[in-house]
Amino acid sequence: MGAKGQPKWWYSIAVAVMICAFFLGMDFYSNGKITWSVWPVAAVLFFGVGFTLLNKFGRE
């Protein structure tokens, strides 16, 4: 237990997916359909997932 070291490269992708699920859930809960949350979800996925994948695969 008590492992030390760098976090896994996919942790930030998991955080981005959880943030997207939050935005989609709030939007769907408020009016029963997805309306305004498309833009925040697209931004989080573009920047969060995109930069994570660039850091992982773009520098090797």
PDB file of N, CA and C in Angstrom:
ATOM      1  N   MET A   1       0.835  -1.165   0.000  1.00  0.00           N
ATOM      2  CA  MET A   1       0.000   0.000   0.000  1.00  0.00           C
ATOM      3  C   MET A   1       0.888   1.240   0.000  1.00  0.00           C
ATOM      4  N   GLY A   2       0.331   2.391  -0.015  1.00  0.00           N
ATOM      5  CA  GLY A   2       1.125   3.606   0.003  1.00  0.00           C
ATOM      6  C   GLY A   2       2.039   3.738  -1.202  1.00  0.00           C
ATOM      7  N   ALA A   3       1.538   3.414  -2.373  1.00  0.00           N
ATOM      8  CA  ALA A   3       2.361   3.481  -3.584  1.00  0.00           C
ATOM      9  C   ALA A   3       2.729   4.931  -3.890  1.00  0.00           C
ATOM     10  N   LYS A   4       3.950   5.111  -4.334  1.00  0.00           N
ATOM     11  CA  LYS A   4       4.429   6.452  -4.678  1.00  0.00           C
ATOM     12  C   LYS A   4       4.744   6.482  -6.160  1.00  0.00           C
ATOM     13  N   GLY A   5       4.795   7.676  -6.689  1.00  0.00           N
ATOM     14  CA  GLY A   5       5.121   7.825  -8.096  1.00  0.00           C
ATOM     15  C   GLY A   5       4.127   8.704  -8.813  1.00  0.00           C
ATOM     16  N   GLN A   6       4.230   8.695 -10.104  1.00  0.00           N
ATOM     17  CA  GLN A   6       3.376   9.527 -10.948  1.00  0.00           C
ATOM     18  C   GLN A   6       1.994   8.894 -11.092  1.00  0.00           C
ATOM     19  N   PRO A   7       0.960   9.730 -11.193  1.00  0.00           N
ATOM     20  CA  PRO A   7      -0.360   9.172 -11.480  1.00  0.00           C
ATOM     21  C   PRO A   7      -0.393   8.608 -12.898  1.00  0.00           C
ATOM     22  N   LYS A   8      -1.318   7.725 -13.137  1.00  0.00           N
ATOM     23  CA  LYS A   8      -1.455   7.126 -14.469  1.00  0.00           C
ATOM     24  C   LYS A   8      -1.803   8.212 -15.485  1.00  0.00           C
ATOM     25  N   TRP A   9      -1.439   7.981 -16.731  1.00  0.00           N
ATOM     26  CA  TRP A   9      -1.646   8.990 -17.770  1.00  0.00           C
ATOM     27  C   TRP A   9      -3.122   9.200 -18.068  1.00  0.00           C
ATOM     28  N   TRP A  10      -3.959   8.244 -17.756  1.00  0.00           N
ATOM     29  CA  TRP A  10      -5.377   8.347 -18.089  1.00  0.00           C
ATOM     30  C   TRP A  10      -6.207   8.937 -16.955  1.00  0.00           C
ATOM     31  N   TYR A  11      -5.607   9.319 -15.853  1.00  0.00           N
ATOM     32  CA  TYR A  11      -6.371   9.899 -14.750  1.00  0.00           C
ATOM     33  C   TYR A  11      -7.064  11.200 -15.158  1.00  0.00           C
ATOM     34  N   SER A  12      -6.382  12.043 -15.892  1.00  0.00           N
ATOM     35  CA  SER A  12      -7.016  13.308 -16.298  1.00  0.00           C
ATOM     36  C   SER A  12      -8.147  13.073 -17.289  1.00  0.00           C
ATOM     37  N   ILE A  13      -8.063  12.004 -18.084  1.00  0.00           N
ATOM     38  CA  ILE A  13      -9.177  11.660 -18.975  1.00  0.00           C
ATOM     39  C   ILE A  13     -10.380  11.225 -18.153  1.00  0.00           C
ATOM     40  N   ALA A  14     -10.154  10.448 -17.099  1.00  0.00           N
ATOM     41  CA  ALA A  14     -11.249  10.017 -16.230  1.00  0.00           C
ATOM     42  C   ALA A  14     -11.899  11.218 -15.542  1.00  0.00           C
ATOM     43  N   VAL A  15     -11.100  12.183 -15.128  1.00  0.00           N
ATOM     44  CA  VAL A  15     -11.642  13.400 -14.506  1.00  0.00           C
ATOM     45  C   VAL A  15     -12.473  14.180 -15.522  1.00  0.00           C
ATOM     46  N   ALA A  16     -11.993  14.285 -16.763  1.00  0.00           N
ATOM     47  CA  ALA A  16     -12.743  14.992 -17.803  1.00  0.00           C
ATOM     48  C   ALA A  16     -14.072  14.314 -18.083  1.00  0.00           C
ATOM     49  N   VAL A  17     -14.086  12.980 -18.089  1.00  0.00           N
ATOM     50  CA  VAL A  17     -15.333  12.244 -18.315  1.00  0.00           C
ATOM     51  C   VAL A  17     -16.306  12.472 -17.156  1.00  0.00           C
ATOM     52  N   MET A  18     -15.800  12.512 -15.930  1.00  0.00           N
ATOM     53  CA  MET A  18     -16.685  12.775 -14.785  1.00  0.00           C
ATOM     54  C   MET A  18     -17.258  14.193 -14.836  1.00  0.00           C
ATOM     55  N   ILE A  19     -16.452  15.168 -15.246  1.00  0.00           N
ATOM     56  CA  ILE A  19     -16.959  16.538 -15.385  1.00  0.00           C
ATOM     57  C   ILE A  19     -18.030  16.593 -16.464  1.00  0.00           C
ATOM     58  N   CYS A  20     -17.802  15.900 -17.580  1.00  0.00           N
ATOM     59  CA  CYS A  20     -18.797  15.866 -18.660  1.00  0.00           C
ATOM     60  C   CYS A  20     -20.089  15.197 -18.190  1.00  0.00           C
ATOM     61  N   ALA A  21     -19.967  14.119 -17.444  1.00  0.00           N
ATOM     62  CA  ALA A  21     -21.161  13.444 -16.924  1.00  0.00           C
ATOM     63  C   ALA A  21     -21.932  14.369 -15.989  1.00  0.00           C
ATOM     64  N   PHE A  22     -21.234  15.173 -15.205  1.00  0.00           N
ATOM     65  CA  PHE A  22     -21.899  16.133 -14.331  1.00  0.00           C
ATOM     66  C   PHE A  22     -22.694  17.160 -15.139  1.00  0.00           C
ATOM     67  N   PHE A  23     -22.044  17.761 -16.143  1.00  0.00           N
ATOM     68  CA  PHE A  23     -22.742  18.756 -16.965  1.00  0.00           C
ATOM     69  C   PHE A  23     -23.939  18.147 -17.686  1.00  0.00           C
ATOM     70  N   LEU A  24     -23.764  16.974 -18.269  1.00  0.00           N
ATOM     71  CA  LEU A  24     -24.871  16.325 -18.968  1.00  0.00           C
ATOM     72  C   LEU A  24     -25.994  15.964 -18.011  1.00  0.00           C
ATOM     73  N   GLY A  25     -25.648  15.476 -16.832  1.00  0.00           N
ATOM     74  CA  GLY A  25     -26.664  15.122 -15.840  1.00  0.00           C
ATOM     75  C   GLY A  25     -27.451  16.321 -15.368  1.00  0.00           C
ATOM     76  N   MET A  26     -26.758  17.434 -15.102  1.00  0.00           N
ATOM     77  CA  MET A  26     -27.463  18.638 -14.666  1.00  0.00           C
ATOM     78  C   MET A  26     -28.392  19.161 -15.755  1.00  0.00           C
ATOM     79  N   ASP A  27     -27.931  19.122 -16.992  1.00  0.00           N
ATOM     80  CA  ASP A  27     -28.749  19.604 -18.098  1.00  0.00           C
ATOM     81  C   ASP A  27     -29.962  18.709 -18.312  1.00  0.00           C
ATOM     82  N   PHE A  28     -29.745  17.417 -18.293  1.00  0.00           N
ATOM     83  CA  PHE A  28     -30.858  16.485 -18.523  1.00  0.00           C
ATOM     84  C   PHE A  28     -31.855  16.512 -17.371  1.00  0.00           C
ATOM     85  N   TYR A  29     -31.358  16.656 -16.156  1.00  0.00           N
ATOM     86  CA  TYR A  29     -32.240  16.697 -14.994  1.00  0.00           C
ATOM     87  C   TYR A  29     -33.101  17.954 -14.984  1.00  0.00           C
ATOM     88  N   SER A  30     -32.547  19.065 -15.456  1.00  0.00           N
ATOM     89  CA  SER A  30     -33.271  20.329 -15.368  1.00  0.00           C
ATOM     90  C   SER A  30     -34.441  20.417 -16.333  1.00  0.00           C
ATOM     91  N   ASN A  31     -34.315  19.852 -17.545  1.00  0.00           N
ATOM     92  CA  ASN A  31     -35.427  19.999 -18.487  1.00  0.00           C
ATOM     93  C   ASN A  31     -35.726  18.737 -19.296  1.00  0.00           C
ATOM     94  N   GLY A  32     -35.099  17.631 -18.992  1.00  0.00           N
ATOM     95  CA  GLY A  32     -35.438  16.374 -19.664  1.00  0.00           C
ATOM     96  C   GLY A  32     -34.783  16.161 -21.010  1.00  0.00           C
ATOM     97  N   LYS A  33     -33.945  17.081 -21.427  1.00  0.00           N
ATOM     98  CA  LYS A  33     -33.213  16.905 -22.675  1.00  0.00           C
ATOM     99  C   LYS A  33     -31.887  17.644 -22.581  1.00  0.00           C
ATOM    100  N   ILE A  34     -31.007  17.362 -23.499  1.00  0.00           N
ATOM    101  CA  ILE A  34     -29.688  17.973 -23.492  1.00  0.00           C
ATOM    102  C   ILE A  34     -29.729  19.210 -24.380  1.00  0.00           C
ATOM    103  N   THR A  35     -29.505  20.377 -23.776  1.00  0.00           N
ATOM    104  CA  THR A  35     -29.582  21.626 -24.531  1.00  0.00           C
ATOM    105  C   THR A  35     -28.270  22.403 -24.429  1.00  0.00           C
ATOM    106  N   TRP A  36     -27.997  23.020 -23.295  1.00  0.00           N
ATOM    107  CA  TRP A  36     -26.862  23.923 -23.160  1.00  0.00           C
ATOM    108  C   TRP A  36     -25.549  23.218 -22.871  1.00  0.00           C
ATOM    109  N   SER A  37     -25.575  21.982 -22.407  1.00  0.00           N
ATOM    110  CA  SER A  37     -24.348  21.337 -21.936  1.00  0.00           C
ATOM    111  C   SER A  37     -23.449  20.832 -23.061  1.00  0.00           C
ATOM    112  N   VAL A  38     -23.863  20.982 -24.300  1.00  0.00           N
ATOM    113  CA  VAL A  38     -23.041  20.511 -25.415  1.00  0.00           C
ATOM    114  C   VAL A  38     -21.723  21.282 -25.473  1.00  0.00           C
ATOM    115  N   TRP A  39     -21.761  22.589 -25.258  1.00  0.00           N
ATOM    116  CA  TRP A  39     -20.552  23.400 -25.366  1.00  0.00           C
ATOM    117  C   TRP A  39     -19.552  23.145 -24.241  1.00  0.00           C
ATOM    118  N   PRO A  40     -19.983  23.098 -22.971  1.00  0.00           N
ATOM    119  CA  PRO A  40     -18.987  22.787 -21.933  1.00  0.00           C
ATOM    120  C   PRO A  40     -18.414  21.379 -22.073  1.00  0.00           C
ATOM    121  N   VAL A  41     -19.241  20.430 -22.482  1.00  0.00           N
ATOM    122  CA  VAL A  41     -18.761  19.061 -22.662  1.00  0.00           C
ATOM    123  C   VAL A  41     -17.743  19.009 -23.801  1.00  0.00           C
ATOM    124  N   ALA A  42     -18.038  19.689 -24.893  1.00  0.00           N
ATOM    125  CA  ALA A  42     -17.099  19.704 -26.017  1.00  0.00           C
ATOM    126  C   ALA A  42     -15.778  20.361 -25.623  1.00  0.00           C
ATOM    127  N   ALA A  43     -15.834  21.442 -24.859  1.00  0.00           N
ATOM    128  CA  ALA A  43     -14.611  22.118 -24.435  1.00  0.00           C
ATOM    129  C   ALA A  43     -13.790  21.246 -23.494  1.00  0.00           C
ATOM    130  N   VAL A  44     -14.448  20.607 -22.544  1.00  0.00           N
ATOM    131  CA  VAL A  44     -13.730  19.744 -21.596  1.00  0.00           C
ATOM    132  C   VAL A  44     -13.097  18.570 -22.326  1.00  0.00           C
ATOM    133  N   LEU A  45     -13.826  17.961 -23.233  1.00  0.00           N
ATOM    134  CA  LEU A  45     -13.268  16.824 -23.965  1.00  0.00           C
ATOM    135  C   LEU A  45     -12.134  17.256 -24.885  1.00  0.00           C
ATOM    136  N   PHE A  46     -12.298  18.376 -25.558  1.00  0.00           N
ATOM    137  CA  PHE A  46     -11.262  18.838 -26.477  1.00  0.00           C
ATOM    138  C   PHE A  46      -9.966  19.154 -25.738  1.00  0.00           C
ATOM    139  N   PHE A  47     -10.076  19.970 -24.698  1.00  0.00           N
ATOM    140  CA  PHE A  47      -8.868  20.384 -23.995  1.00  0.00           C
ATOM    141  C   PHE A  47      -8.355  19.315 -23.036  1.00  0.00           C
ATOM    142  N   GLY A  48      -9.237  18.758 -22.237  1.00  0.00           N
ATOM    143  CA  GLY A  48      -8.805  17.770 -21.249  1.00  0.00           C
ATOM    144  C   GLY A  48      -8.265  16.499 -21.868  1.00  0.00           C
ATOM    145  N   VAL A  49      -9.031  15.902 -22.738  1.00  0.00           N
ATOM    146  CA  VAL A  49      -8.608  14.645 -23.362  1.00  0.00           C
ATOM    147  C   VAL A  49      -7.553  14.909 -24.428  1.00  0.00           C
ATOM    148  N   GLY A  50      -7.721  15.955 -25.198  1.00  0.00           N
ATOM    149  CA  GLY A  50      -6.770  16.245 -26.268  1.00  0.00           C
ATOM    150  C   GLY A  50      -5.365  16.510 -25.758  1.00  0.00           C
ATOM    151  N   PHE A  51      -5.240  17.360 -24.747  1.00  0.00           N
ATOM    152  CA  PHE A  51      -3.909  17.655 -24.217  1.00  0.00           C
ATOM    153  C   PHE A  51      -3.314  16.459 -23.489  1.00  0.00           C
ATOM    154  N   THR A  52      -4.138  15.663 -22.858  1.00  0.00           N
ATOM    155  CA  THR A  52      -3.629  14.465 -22.200  1.00  0.00           C
ATOM    156  C   THR A  52      -3.057  13.495 -23.222  1.00  0.00           C
ATOM    157  N   LEU A  53      -3.776  13.290 -24.309  1.00  0.00           N
ATOM    158  CA  LEU A  53      -3.267  12.381 -25.339  1.00  0.00           C
ATOM    159  C   LEU A  53      -2.045  12.948 -26.041  1.00  0.00           C
ATOM    160  N   LEU A  54      -1.994  14.275 -26.219  1.00  0.00           N
ATOM    161  CA  LEU A  54      -0.781  14.872 -26.799  1.00  0.00           C
ATOM    162  C   LEU A  54       0.419  14.679 -25.885  1.00  0.00           C
ATOM    163  N   ASN A  55       0.220  14.841 -24.592  1.00  0.00           N
ATOM    164  CA  ASN A  55       1.330  14.629 -23.656  1.00  0.00           C
ATOM    165  C   ASN A  55       1.777  13.183 -23.639  1.00  0.00           C
ATOM    166  N   LYS A  56       0.838  12.265 -23.778  1.00  0.00           N
ATOM    167  CA  LYS A  56       1.190  10.849 -23.716  1.00  0.00           C
ATOM    168  C   LYS A  56       1.862  10.374 -25.010  1.00  0.00           C
ATOM    169  N   PHE A  57       1.262  10.676 -26.146  1.00  0.00           N
ATOM    170  CA  PHE A  57       1.716  10.094 -27.409  1.00  0.00           C
ATOM    171  C   PHE A  57       2.477  11.076 -28.301  1.00  0.00           C
ATOM    172  N   GLY A  58       2.361  12.364 -28.053  1.00  0.00           N
ATOM    173  CA  GLY A  58       2.989  13.341 -28.931  1.00  0.00           C
ATOM    174  C   GLY A  58       4.458  13.554 -28.672  1.00  0.00           C
ATOM    175  N   ARG A  59       4.936  13.185 -27.510  1.00  0.00           N
ATOM    176  CA  ARG A  59       6.333  13.449 -27.151  1.00  0.00           C
ATOM    177  C   ARG A  59       7.213  12.215 -27.217  1.00  0.00           C
ATOM    178  N   GLU A  60       6.673  11.113 -27.633  1.00  0.00           N
ATOM    179  CA  GLU A  60       7.479   9.868 -27.668  1.00  0.00           C
ATOM    180  C   GLU A  60       8.180   9.700 -28.978  1.00  0.00           C
TER     181      GLU A  60
END
